[in-house]
Amino acid sequence: MDLHGKVAVITGSGRGLGLAYARALAAAGARVVVNDVDAEVVDAAVDAITSAGGVAVGVVAAVGDSAAAELLTGTAVREFGRLDVMVTNAGILRDRVLWKMTDDDFDAVVKVHLRGTFTCARAAAVRMREQGEGGRIVLISSPAGQRGNFGQTNYAAAKASIVAMARTWAMELSRADITVNAVVPVAATEMTKTIPAFAPVIEEAERTGAPLPGWLRKDEGLGTVEDVAALITFLASDSSKDITGQAIGIGGDRLALWAHPAEKAVAFADGGWSADTIAERWHDGVGAEPETYGIPAPQAPEA
């Protein structure tokens, strides 16, 4: 995939998935703006990219407020003359069950994930529309946003909202030839290890040094951060110019298109529904096959 001539901003790209995205885009020829809240982490990421022959600059900023978004897009334009790709990856966790989650826990996660995605995408859209040459906005969601996850009210809510924003912005920016897609990654990271369904498997692989087993890479779609980076590179390229408004999952050996929410079952009652009628008909009607919720724990195949 050839990204020469393109300029990309990747928020939260000092380590983990974000760093993998930045390295992949740079390896494909894009000039990249690396971002993290830790200056040493930013410097190390920039060094890693430039040592491999890529072109990168770093910005130390906490994503969330408009000022940080303007700093990131402004750096891209000042250093490289333009902006073609925005990847909104920055995030934090403050996991707690509902009755123990504080206002600060909720607000901190929503500010970085949701407001940070909004402010950075908005700044990118303004610049891309001014350039008049289209662009790519890639929003990072999560399986938690698609299914829910225990102890992650704040994170799941933000990640679900990010997919909704992708669909909305795909409509709003289509005339400007700016695509907007949400990526639902699954990879072995420090953040993923906080998800009970995946933590034991990842920790065991780290303990033994063995690669993740094939069944996990295929059946569960859990792999390395580099596995996910391929999709980011594709969505940043001209090859994806006709793909927008989608939620696309990737992890391990698995690539998937997530369905948009739709009515699964419908029933009618002449003159409308009463509470008693709903109760009488629910289990044999629209509620006969209720939807699942939560991220299921990985199931190893039987020996």
C-alpha atoms as a PDB file:
ATOM      1  CA  MET A   1       0.000   0.000   0.000  1.00  0.00           C
ATOM      2  CA  ASP A   2       1.492   3.342  -1.066  1.00  0.00           C
ATOM      3  CA  LEU A   3       0.814   6.363   1.170  1.00  0.00           C
ATOM      4  CA  HIS A   4       3.600   8.597  -0.132  1.00  0.00           C
ATOM      5  CA  GLY A   5       2.517  12.225  -0.182  1.00  0.00           C
ATOM      6  CA  LYS A   6      -0.038  11.749   2.591  1.00  0.00           C
ATOM      7  CA  VAL A   7       0.137  13.240   6.071  1.00  0.00           C
ATOM      8  CA  ALA A   8      -1.465  11.486   9.039  1.00  0.00           C
ATOM      9  CA  VAL A   9      -2.175  12.381  12.661  1.00  0.00           C
ATOM     10  CA  ILE A  10      -2.564   9.447  15.051  1.00  0.00           C
ATOM     11  CA  THR A  11      -3.709  10.354  18.545  1.00  0.00           C
ATOM     12  CA  GLY A  12      -2.478   8.249  21.451  1.00  0.00           C
ATOM     13  CA  SER A  13       0.277   6.797  19.285  1.00  0.00           C
ATOM     14  CA  GLY A  14       3.163   6.647  21.709  1.00  0.00           C
ATOM     15  CA  ARG A  15       2.682   2.983  22.496  1.00  0.00           C
ATOM     16  CA  GLY A  16       0.436  -0.026  21.942  1.00  0.00           C
ATOM     17  CA  LEU A  17      -2.031  -0.015  19.076  1.00  0.00           C
ATOM     18  CA  GLY A  18      -1.488   3.659  18.316  1.00  0.00           C
ATOM     19  CA  LEU A  19       2.246   3.192  17.861  1.00  0.00           C
ATOM     20  CA  ALA A  20       1.590   0.202  15.591  1.00  0.00           C
ATOM     21  CA  TYR A  21      -0.712   2.386  13.481  1.00  0.00           C
ATOM     22  CA  ALA A  22       1.853   5.173  13.252  1.00  0.00           C
ATOM     23  CA  ARG A  23       4.660   2.804  12.318  1.00  0.00           C
ATOM     24  CA  ALA A  24       2.545   1.084   9.662  1.00  0.00           C
ATOM     25  CA  LEU A  25       1.440   4.351   8.066  1.00  0.00           C
ATOM     26  CA  ALA A  26       5.015   5.650   8.069  1.00  0.00           C
ATOM     27  CA  ALA A  27       6.300   2.399   6.582  1.00  0.00           C
ATOM     28  CA  ALA A  28       3.787   2.846   3.758  1.00  0.00           C
ATOM     29  CA  GLY A  29       5.205   6.299   3.038  1.00  0.00           C
ATOM     30  CA  ALA A  30       3.000   8.671   5.031  1.00  0.00           C
ATOM     31  CA  ARG A  31       4.488  11.442   7.123  1.00  0.00           C
ATOM     32  CA  VAL A  32       3.039  11.092  10.597  1.00  0.00           C
ATOM     33  CA  VAL A  33       2.328  13.146  13.687  1.00  0.00           C
ATOM     34  CA  VAL A  34       2.779  11.046  16.829  1.00  0.00           C
ATOM     35  CA  ASN A  35       0.917  11.994  19.995  1.00  0.00           C
ATOM     36  CA  ASP A  36       1.002  11.019  23.667  1.00  0.00           C
ATOM     37  CA  VAL A  37       0.816  12.726  27.061  1.00  0.00           C
ATOM     38  CA  ASP A  38       4.331  11.545  27.974  1.00  0.00           C
ATOM     39  CA  ALA A  39       7.201  13.404  26.278  1.00  0.00           C
ATOM     40  CA  GLU A  40       9.650  10.515  26.686  1.00  0.00           C
ATOM     41  CA  VAL A  41       7.176   8.119  25.096  1.00  0.00           C
ATOM     42  CA  VAL A  42       6.639  10.512  22.182  1.00  0.00           C
ATOM     43  CA  ASP A  43      10.373  10.892  21.631  1.00  0.00           C
ATOM     44  CA  ALA A  44      10.895   7.136  21.696  1.00  0.00           C
ATOM     45  CA  ALA A  45       8.080   6.587  19.193  1.00  0.00           C
ATOM     46  CA  VAL A  46       9.426   9.222  16.822  1.00  0.00           C
ATOM     47  CA  ASP A  47      12.917   7.708  17.093  1.00  0.00           C
ATOM     48  CA  ALA A  48      11.559   4.240  16.327  1.00  0.00           C
ATOM     49  CA  ILE A  49       9.770   5.494  13.223  1.00  0.00           C
ATOM     50  CA  THR A  50      12.633   7.603  11.895  1.00  0.00           C
ATOM     51  CA  SER A  51      15.178   4.867  12.605  1.00  0.00           C
ATOM     52  CA  ALA A  52      13.139   2.607  10.340  1.00  0.00           C
ATOM     53  CA  GLY A  53      13.278   5.189   7.551  1.00  0.00           C
ATOM     54  CA  GLY A  54       9.966   6.923   8.213  1.00  0.00           C
ATOM     55  CA  VAL A  55       9.192  10.596   8.714  1.00  0.00           C
ATOM     56  CA  ALA A  56       7.565  11.647  11.983  1.00  0.00           C
ATOM     57  CA  VAL A  57       7.190  14.515  14.420  1.00  0.00           C
ATOM     58  CA  GLY A  58       5.799  14.370  17.929  1.00  0.00           C
ATOM     59  CA  VAL A  59       3.198  16.348  19.848  1.00  0.00           C
ATOM     60  CA  VAL A  60       2.824  16.078  23.614  1.00  0.00           C
ATOM     61  CA  ALA A  61      -0.809  16.785  24.427  1.00  0.00           C
ATOM     62  CA  ALA A  62      -3.766  15.335  26.312  1.00  0.00           C
ATOM     63  CA  VAL A  63      -6.503  14.719  23.773  1.00  0.00           C
ATOM     64  CA  GLY A  64      -9.943  16.007  24.688  1.00  0.00           C
ATOM     65  CA  ASP A  65     -10.136  19.764  24.430  1.00  0.00           C
ATOM     66  CA  SER A  66     -10.272  21.723  21.179  1.00  0.00           C
ATOM     67  CA  ALA A  67      -6.860  23.240  21.874  1.00  0.00           C
ATOM     68  CA  ALA A  68      -5.177  19.831  21.670  1.00  0.00           C
ATOM     69  CA  ALA A  69      -7.001  19.004  18.438  1.00  0.00           C
ATOM     70  CA  GLU A  70      -5.950  22.297  16.879  1.00  0.00           C
ATOM     71  CA  LEU A  71      -2.371  21.726  18.012  1.00  0.00           C
ATOM     72  CA  LEU A  72      -2.294  18.309  16.339  1.00  0.00           C
ATOM     73  CA  THR A  73      -3.775  19.407  13.024  1.00  0.00           C
ATOM     74  CA  GLY A  74      -1.763  22.630  13.094  1.00  0.00           C
ATOM     75  CA  THR A  75       1.460  20.677  13.582  1.00  0.00           C
ATOM     76  CA  ALA A  76       0.673  18.480  10.583  1.00  0.00           C
ATOM     77  CA  VAL A  77       0.101  21.534   8.392  1.00  0.00           C
ATOM     78  CA  ARG A  78       3.075  23.467   9.727  1.00  0.00           C
ATOM     79  CA  GLU A  79       5.537  20.584   9.453  1.00  0.00           C
ATOM     80  CA  PHE A  80       4.243  18.840   6.332  1.00  0.00           C
ATOM     81  CA  GLY A  81       1.956  21.315   4.586  1.00  0.00           C
ATOM     82  CA  ARG A  82      -1.318  19.388   4.739  1.00  0.00           C
ATOM     83  CA  LEU A  83      -3.474  16.787   6.495  1.00  0.00           C
ATOM     84  CA  ASP A  84      -4.917  13.715   4.773  1.00  0.00           C
ATOM     85  CA  VAL A  85      -5.577  11.182   7.536  1.00  0.00           C
ATOM     86  CA  MET A  86      -6.808  11.499  11.111  1.00  0.00           C
ATOM     87  CA  VAL A  87      -6.797   8.405  13.336  1.00  0.00           C
ATOM     88  CA  THR A  88      -8.475   9.007  16.698  1.00  0.00           C
ATOM     89  CA  ASN A  89      -6.950   6.364  18.938  1.00  0.00           C
ATOM     90  CA  ALA A  90      -6.209   8.096  22.270  1.00  0.00           C
ATOM     91  CA  GLY A  91      -7.868   6.575  25.286  1.00  0.00           C
ATOM     92  CA  ILE A  92      -7.719   5.844  28.995  1.00  0.00           C
ATOM     93  CA  LEU A  93      -9.513   3.442  31.336  1.00  0.00           C
ATOM     94  CA  ARG A  94     -11.205   3.985  34.681  1.00  0.00           C
ATOM     95  CA  ASP A  95     -12.956   0.638  35.139  1.00  0.00           C
ATOM     96  CA  ARG A  96     -15.476   0.253  37.949  1.00  0.00           C
ATOM     97  CA  VAL A  97     -18.900  -1.296  38.321  1.00  0.00           C
ATOM     98  CA  LEU A  98     -21.826   1.114  38.093  1.00  0.00           C
ATOM     99  CA  TRP A  99     -22.404   1.549  41.826  1.00  0.00           C
ATOM    100  CA  LYS A 100     -18.742   2.336  42.442  1.00  0.00           C
ATOM    101  CA  MET A 101     -18.032   4.535  39.400  1.00  0.00           C
ATOM    102  CA  THR A 102     -17.558   8.176  40.310  1.00  0.00           C
ATOM    103  CA  ASP A 103     -18.433  11.231  38.261  1.00  0.00           C
ATOM    104  CA  ASP A 104     -14.717  11.789  37.704  1.00  0.00           C
ATOM    105  CA  ASP A 105     -14.241   8.196  36.493  1.00  0.00           C
ATOM    106  CA  PHE A 106     -17.019   8.654  33.961  1.00  0.00           C
ATOM    107  CA  ASP A 107     -16.055  12.141  32.819  1.00  0.00           C
ATOM    108  CA  ALA A 108     -12.349  11.393  32.394  1.00  0.00           C
ATOM    109  CA  VAL A 109     -12.938   8.459  30.032  1.00  0.00           C
ATOM    110  CA  VAL A 110     -15.667  10.193  28.063  1.00  0.00           C
ATOM    111  CA  LYS A 111     -13.501  13.304  27.694  1.00  0.00           C
ATOM    112  CA  VAL A 112     -10.579  11.443  26.130  1.00  0.00           C
ATOM    113  CA  HIS A 113     -12.405   8.819  24.081  1.00  0.00           C
ATOM    114  CA  LEU A 114     -15.581  10.594  23.005  1.00  0.00           C
ATOM    115  CA  ARG A 115     -14.885  14.310  23.239  1.00  0.00           C
ATOM    116  CA  GLY A 116     -11.329  13.737  22.020  1.00  0.00           C
ATOM    117  CA  THR A 117     -12.645  11.886  18.988  1.00  0.00           C
ATOM    118  CA  PHE A 118     -15.125  14.694  18.316  1.00  0.00           C
ATOM    119  CA  THR A 119     -12.655  17.560  18.653  1.00  0.00           C
ATOM    120  CA  CYS A 120      -9.914  15.875  16.605  1.00  0.00           C
ATOM    121  CA  ALA A 121     -12.284  14.725  13.861  1.00  0.00           C
ATOM    122  CA  ARG A 122     -13.837  18.177  13.687  1.00  0.00           C
ATOM    123  CA  ALA A 123     -10.451  19.869  13.374  1.00  0.00           C
ATOM    124  CA  ALA A 124      -9.452  17.380  10.688  1.00  0.00           C
ATOM    125  CA  ALA A 125     -12.719  17.835   8.777  1.00  0.00           C
ATOM    126  CA  VAL A 126     -12.276  21.610   8.743  1.00  0.00           C
ATOM    127  CA  ARG A 127      -8.756  21.315   7.359  1.00  0.00           C
ATOM    128  CA  MET A 128      -9.627  18.615   4.817  1.00  0.00           C
ATOM    129  CA  ARG A 129     -12.596  20.599   3.518  1.00  0.00           C
ATOM    130  CA  GLU A 130     -10.362  23.668   3.146  1.00  0.00           C
ATOM    131  CA  GLN A 131      -7.863  21.628   1.138  1.00  0.00           C
ATOM    132  CA  GLY A 132     -10.681  20.390  -1.098  1.00  0.00           C
ATOM    133  CA  GLU A 133      -8.993  17.077  -1.888  1.00  0.00           C
ATOM    134  CA  GLY A 134     -10.913  14.689   0.349  1.00  0.00           C
ATOM    135  CA  GLY A 135      -9.463  12.779   3.262  1.00  0.00           C
ATOM    136  CA  ARG A 136      -9.717   9.834   5.613  1.00  0.00           C
ATOM    137  CA  ILE A 137     -10.977   9.903   9.194  1.00  0.00           C
ATOM    138  CA  VAL A 138     -10.555   6.630  11.082  1.00  0.00           C
ATOM    139  CA  LEU A 139     -12.202   6.365  14.492  1.00  0.00           C
ATOM    140  CA  ILE A 140     -11.168   3.643  16.918  1.00  0.00           C
ATOM    141  CA  SER A 141     -14.034   1.878  18.685  1.00  0.00           C
ATOM    142  CA  SER A 142     -14.036  -1.388  20.665  1.00  0.00           C
ATOM    143  CA  PRO A 143     -15.932  -4.661  21.100  1.00  0.00           C
ATOM    144  CA  ALA A 144     -17.027  -3.216  24.446  1.00  0.00           C
ATOM    145  CA  GLY A 145     -18.939  -0.560  22.556  1.00  0.00           C
ATOM    146  CA  GLN A 146     -20.626  -3.162  20.393  1.00  0.00           C
ATOM    147  CA  ARG A 147     -21.491  -5.671  23.125  1.00  0.00           C
ATOM    148  CA  GLY A 148     -21.038  -3.978  26.494  1.00  0.00           C
ATOM    149  CA  ASN A 149     -18.493  -5.105  29.073  1.00  0.00           C
ATOM    150  CA  PHE A 150     -18.563  -5.602  32.821  1.00  0.00           C
ATOM    151  CA  GLY A 151     -17.130  -2.637  34.725  1.00  0.00           C
ATOM    152  CA  GLN A 152     -16.836  -0.408  31.666  1.00  0.00           C
ATOM    153  CA  THR A 153     -19.897   1.854  31.679  1.00  0.00           C
ATOM    154  CA  ASN A 154     -17.810   4.878  30.665  1.00  0.00           C
ATOM    155  CA  TYR A 155     -15.618   3.125  28.095  1.00  0.00           C
ATOM    156  CA  ALA A 156     -18.410   1.106  26.462  1.00  0.00           C
ATOM    157  CA  ALA A 157     -20.669   4.151  26.207  1.00  0.00           C
ATOM    158  CA  ALA A 158     -17.925   6.213  24.585  1.00  0.00           C
ATOM    159  CA  LYS A 159     -16.945   3.473  22.134  1.00  0.00           C
ATOM    160  CA  ALA A 160     -20.559   2.847  21.097  1.00  0.00           C
ATOM    161  CA  SER A 161     -21.025   6.569  20.532  1.00  0.00           C
ATOM    162  CA  ILE A 162     -17.923   6.681  18.355  1.00  0.00           C
ATOM    163  CA  VAL A 163     -19.523   4.245  15.902  1.00  0.00           C
ATOM    164  CA  ALA A 164     -22.652   6.395  15.839  1.00  0.00           C
ATOM    165  CA  MET A 165     -20.521   9.448  15.056  1.00  0.00           C
ATOM    166  CA  ALA A 166     -18.804   7.605  12.219  1.00  0.00           C
ATOM    167  CA  ARG A 167     -22.169   6.915  10.575  1.00  0.00           C
ATOM    168  CA  THR A 168     -23.290  10.509  11.052  1.00  0.00           C
ATOM    169  CA  TRP A 169     -20.079  12.081   9.785  1.00  0.00           C
ATOM    170  CA  ALA A 170     -19.967   9.737   6.793  1.00  0.00           C
ATOM    171  CA  MET A 171     -23.186  11.409   5.642  1.00  0.00           C
ATOM    172  CA  GLU A 172     -22.094  14.933   6.476  1.00  0.00           C
ATOM    173  CA  LEU A 173     -18.682  14.686   4.794  1.00  0.00           C
ATOM    174  CA  SER A 174     -19.514  12.607   1.732  1.00  0.00           C
ATOM    175  CA  ARG A 175     -19.778  15.609  -0.592  1.00  0.00           C
ATOM    176  CA  ALA A 176     -16.256  16.608   0.437  1.00  0.00           C
ATOM    177  CA  ASP A 177     -14.937  13.119  -0.453  1.00  0.00           C
ATOM    178  CA  ILE A 178     -13.949  12.548   3.169  1.00  0.00           C
ATOM    179  CA  THR A 179     -14.571   8.999   4.352  1.00  0.00           C
ATOM    180  CA  VAL A 180     -15.268   8.187   7.983  1.00  0.00           C
ATOM    181  CA  ASN A 181     -15.070   4.656   9.338  1.00  0.00           C
ATOM    182  CA  ALA A 182     -14.890   3.065  12.770  1.00  0.00           C
ATOM    183  CA  VAL A 183     -12.420   0.286  13.485  1.00  0.00           C
ATOM    184  CA  VAL A 184     -13.194  -2.326  16.141  1.00  0.00           C
ATOM    185  CA  PRO A 185      -9.774  -3.765  17.026  1.00  0.00           C
ATOM    186  CA  VAL A 186      -8.980  -6.799  19.136  1.00  0.00           C
ATOM    187  CA  ALA A 187      -5.332  -7.167  20.096  1.00  0.00           C
ATOM    188  CA  ALA A 188      -3.168  -8.181  23.013  1.00  0.00           C
ATOM    189  CA  THR A 189      -2.440  -4.865  24.752  1.00  0.00           C
ATOM    190  CA  GLU A 190      -2.272  -3.520  28.291  1.00  0.00           C
ATOM    191  CA  MET A 191      -5.808  -2.201  27.815  1.00  0.00           C
ATOM    192  CA  THR A 192      -7.140  -5.507  26.486  1.00  0.00           C
ATOM    193  CA  LYS A 193      -5.721  -7.280  29.520  1.00  0.00           C
ATOM    194  CA  THR A 194      -8.222  -5.373  31.645  1.00  0.00           C
ATOM    195  CA  ILE A 195     -11.059  -7.233  29.878  1.00  0.00           C
ATOM    196  CA  PRO A 196     -11.773 -10.378  31.937  1.00  0.00           C
ATOM    197  CA  ALA A 197     -12.583 -12.411  28.832  1.00  0.00           C
ATOM    198  CA  PHE A 198      -9.093 -11.993  27.385  1.00  0.00           C
ATOM    199  CA  ALA A 199      -6.770 -11.309  30.318  1.00  0.00           C
ATOM    200  CA  PRO A 200      -5.888 -14.923  31.266  1.00  0.00           C
ATOM    201  CA  VAL A 201      -5.036 -15.942  27.697  1.00  0.00           C
ATOM    202  CA  ILE A 202      -2.863 -12.889  27.044  1.00  0.00           C
ATOM    203  CA  GLU A 203      -1.052 -13.244  30.365  1.00  0.00           C
ATOM    204  CA  GLU A 204      -0.323 -16.905  29.693  1.00  0.00           C
ATOM    205  CA  ALA A 205       1.146 -16.079  26.263  1.00  0.00           C
ATOM    206  CA  GLU A 206       3.298 -13.382  27.826  1.00  0.00           C
ATOM    207  CA  ARG A 207       4.447 -15.736  30.580  1.00  0.00           C
ATOM    208  CA  THR A 208       5.515 -18.491  28.176  1.00  0.00           C
ATOM    209  CA  GLY A 209       6.655 -16.294  25.287  1.00  0.00           C
ATOM    210  CA  ALA A 210       4.616 -18.439  22.905  1.00  0.00           C
ATOM    211  CA  PRO A 211       2.492 -16.858  20.175  1.00  0.00           C
ATOM    212  CA  LEU A 212      -1.232 -16.702  20.688  1.00  0.00           C
ATOM    213  CA  PRO A 213      -2.768 -20.026  19.613  1.00  0.00           C
ATOM    214  CA  GLY A 214      -4.312 -20.392  16.168  1.00  0.00           C
ATOM    215  CA  TRP A 215      -7.810 -21.016  17.518  1.00  0.00           C
ATOM    216  CA  LEU A 216      -7.648 -17.710  19.386  1.00  0.00           C
ATOM    217  CA  ARG A 217      -6.454 -15.808  16.316  1.00  0.00           C
ATOM    218  CA  LYS A 218      -9.245 -17.266  14.178  1.00  0.00           C
ATOM    219  CA  ASP A 219     -12.210 -18.047  16.400  1.00  0.00           C
ATOM    220  CA  GLU A 220     -11.820 -15.059  18.724  1.00  0.00           C
ATOM    221  CA  GLY A 221      -9.973 -12.736  16.353  1.00  0.00           C
ATOM    222  CA  LEU A 222      -7.321 -11.848  18.950  1.00  0.00           C
ATOM    223  CA  GLY A 223      -3.797 -11.186  17.731  1.00  0.00           C
ATOM    224  CA  THR A 224      -1.012  -8.627  17.827  1.00  0.00           C
ATOM    225  CA  VAL A 225      -1.171  -4.874  17.390  1.00  0.00           C
ATOM    226  CA  GLU A 226       0.535  -5.295  14.013  1.00  0.00           C
ATOM    227  CA  ASP A 227      -2.398  -7.421  12.817  1.00  0.00           C
ATOM    228  CA  VAL A 228      -4.735  -4.472  13.371  1.00  0.00           C
ATOM    229  CA  ALA A 229      -2.449  -1.910  11.737  1.00  0.00           C
ATOM    230  CA  ALA A 230      -3.039  -3.393   8.279  1.00  0.00           C
ATOM    231  CA  LEU A 231      -6.671  -2.222   8.329  1.00  0.00           C
ATOM    232  CA  ILE A 232      -5.665   1.293   9.374  1.00  0.00           C
ATOM    233  CA  THR A 233      -3.237   1.461   6.464  1.00  0.00           C
ATOM    234  CA  PHE A 234      -5.913   0.277   4.032  1.00  0.00           C
ATOM    235  CA  LEU A 235      -8.498   2.782   5.305  1.00  0.00           C
ATOM    236  CA  ALA A 236      -5.922   5.583   5.012  1.00  0.00           C
ATOM    237  CA  SER A 237      -5.259   4.743   1.373  1.00  0.00           C
ATOM    238  CA  ASP A 238      -6.919   5.661  -1.902  1.00  0.00           C
ATOM    239  CA  SER A 239      -8.004   2.020  -2.210  1.00  0.00           C
ATOM    240  CA  SER A 240     -10.688   2.681   0.425  1.00  0.00           C
ATOM    241  CA  LYS A 241     -12.170   5.782  -1.216  1.00  0.00           C
ATOM    242  CA  ASP A 242     -15.606   4.161  -1.644  1.00  0.00           C
ATOM    243  CA  ILE A 243     -15.818   2.773   1.923  1.00  0.00           C
ATOM    244  CA  THR A 244     -17.464   5.019   4.507  1.00  0.00           C
ATOM    245  CA  GLY A 245     -19.861   4.852   7.442  1.00  0.00           C
ATOM    246  CA  GLN A 246     -18.759   1.322   8.350  1.00  0.00           C
ATOM    247  CA  ALA A 247     -17.734  -0.400  11.582  1.00  0.00           C
ATOM    248  CA  ILE A 248     -14.992  -2.857  10.679  1.00  0.00           C
ATOM    249  CA  GLY A 249     -13.502  -5.368  13.082  1.00  0.00           C
ATOM    250  CA  ILE A 250     -10.026  -6.839  12.882  1.00  0.00           C
ATOM    251  CA  GLY A 251      -7.848  -8.977  15.109  1.00  0.00           C
ATOM    252  CA  GLY A 252      -5.574 -11.941  14.621  1.00  0.00           C
ATOM    253  CA  ASP A 253      -6.606 -13.731  11.431  1.00  0.00           C
ATOM    254  CA  ARG A 254     -10.134 -12.307  11.499  1.00  0.00           C
ATOM    255  CA  LEU A 255     -11.580  -9.404   9.471  1.00  0.00           C
ATOM    256  CA  ALA A 256     -15.267  -8.608   9.990  1.00  0.00           C
ATOM    257  CA  LEU A 257     -17.959  -6.111   9.112  1.00  0.00           C
ATOM    258  CA  TRP A 258     -20.156  -5.246  12.091  1.00  0.00           C
ATOM    259  CA  ALA A 259     -23.871  -4.922  11.372  1.00  0.00           C
ATOM    260  CA  HIS A 260     -25.619  -1.644  11.959  1.00  0.00           C
ATOM    261  CA  PRO A 261     -28.394  -1.841  14.561  1.00  0.00           C
ATOM    262  CA  ALA A 262     -31.654  -2.978  12.974  1.00  0.00           C
ATOM    263  CA  GLU A 263     -35.053  -4.245  14.078  1.00  0.00           C
ATOM    264  CA  LYS A 264     -34.651  -7.949  14.690  1.00  0.00           C
ATOM    265  CA  ALA A 265     -38.289  -8.850  15.265  1.00  0.00           C
ATOM    266  CA  VAL A 266     -41.524  -6.887  14.842  1.00  0.00           C
ATOM    267  CA  ALA A 267     -45.077  -7.479  16.026  1.00  0.00           C
ATOM    268  CA  PHE A 268     -48.286  -5.448  15.687  1.00  0.00           C
ATOM    269  CA  ALA A 269     -51.355  -4.915  17.836  1.00  0.00           C
ATOM    270  CA  ASP A 270     -54.419  -3.217  16.392  1.00  0.00           C
ATOM    271  CA  GLY A 271     -54.976   0.062  18.174  1.00  0.00           C
ATOM    272  CA  GLY A 272     -51.615  -0.075  19.934  1.00  0.00           C
ATOM    273  CA  TRP A 273     -50.027  -1.992  22.781  1.00  0.00           C
ATOM    274  CA  SER A 274     -51.012  -2.130  26.416  1.00  0.00           C
ATOM    275  CA  ALA A 275     -48.616  -3.252  29.122  1.00  0.00           C
ATOM    276  CA  ASP A 276     -50.689  -6.399  29.674  1.00  0.00           C
ATOM    277  CA  THR A 277     -50.669  -7.275  25.959  1.00  0.00           C
ATOM    278  CA  ILE A 278     -46.908  -6.849  25.787  1.00  0.00           C
ATOM    279  CA  ALA A 279     -46.545  -9.160  28.806  1.00  0.00           C
ATOM    280  CA  GLU A 280     -48.804 -11.766  27.227  1.00  0.00           C
ATOM    281  CA  ARG A 281     -47.083 -11.784  23.854  1.00  0.00           C
ATOM    282  CA  TRP A 282     -43.472 -10.911  24.650  1.00  0.00           C
ATOM    283  CA  HIS A 283     -41.939 -14.363  25.119  1.00  0.00           C
ATOM    284  CA  ASP A 284     -43.660 -15.880  22.094  1.00  0.00           C
ATOM    285  CA  GLY A 285     -43.265 -12.745  19.974  1.00  0.00           C
ATOM    286  CA  VAL A 286     -40.497 -10.179  19.562  1.00  0.00           C
ATOM    287  CA  GLY A 287     -38.780 -11.413  22.741  1.00  0.00           C
ATOM    288  CA  ALA A 288     -38.614 -15.065  21.696  1.00  0.00           C
ATOM    289  CA  GLU A 289     -34.910 -14.795  20.796  1.00  0.00           C
ATOM    290  CA  PRO A 290     -33.388 -12.030  22.936  1.00  0.00           C
ATOM    291  CA  GLU A 291     -30.049 -10.541  21.994  1.00  0.00           C
ATOM    292  CA  THR A 292     -26.872 -11.465  23.861  1.00  0.00           C
ATOM    293  CA  TYR A 293     -24.815  -8.921  25.772  1.00  0.00           C
ATOM    294  CA  GLY A 294     -21.263  -8.733  26.996  1.00  0.00           C
ATOM    295  CA  ILE A 295     -17.997 -10.003  25.516  1.00  0.00           C
ATOM    296  CA  PRO A 296     -17.981 -13.806  25.752  1.00  0.00           C
ATOM    297  CA  ALA A 297     -14.938 -15.468  27.285  1.00  0.00           C
ATOM    298  CA  PRO A 298     -12.657 -17.237  24.772  1.00  0.00           C
ATOM    299  CA  GLN A 299     -13.368 -20.948  24.482  1.00  0.00           C
ATOM    300  CA  ALA A 300     -10.399 -23.168  23.698  1.00  0.00           C
ATOM    301  CA  PRO A 301     -11.212 -26.144  21.450  1.00  0.00           C
ATOM    302  CA  GLU A 302     -11.423 -29.481  23.192  1.00  0.00           C
ATOM    303  CA  ALA A 303      -8.309 -31.602  22.851  1.00  0.00           C
END
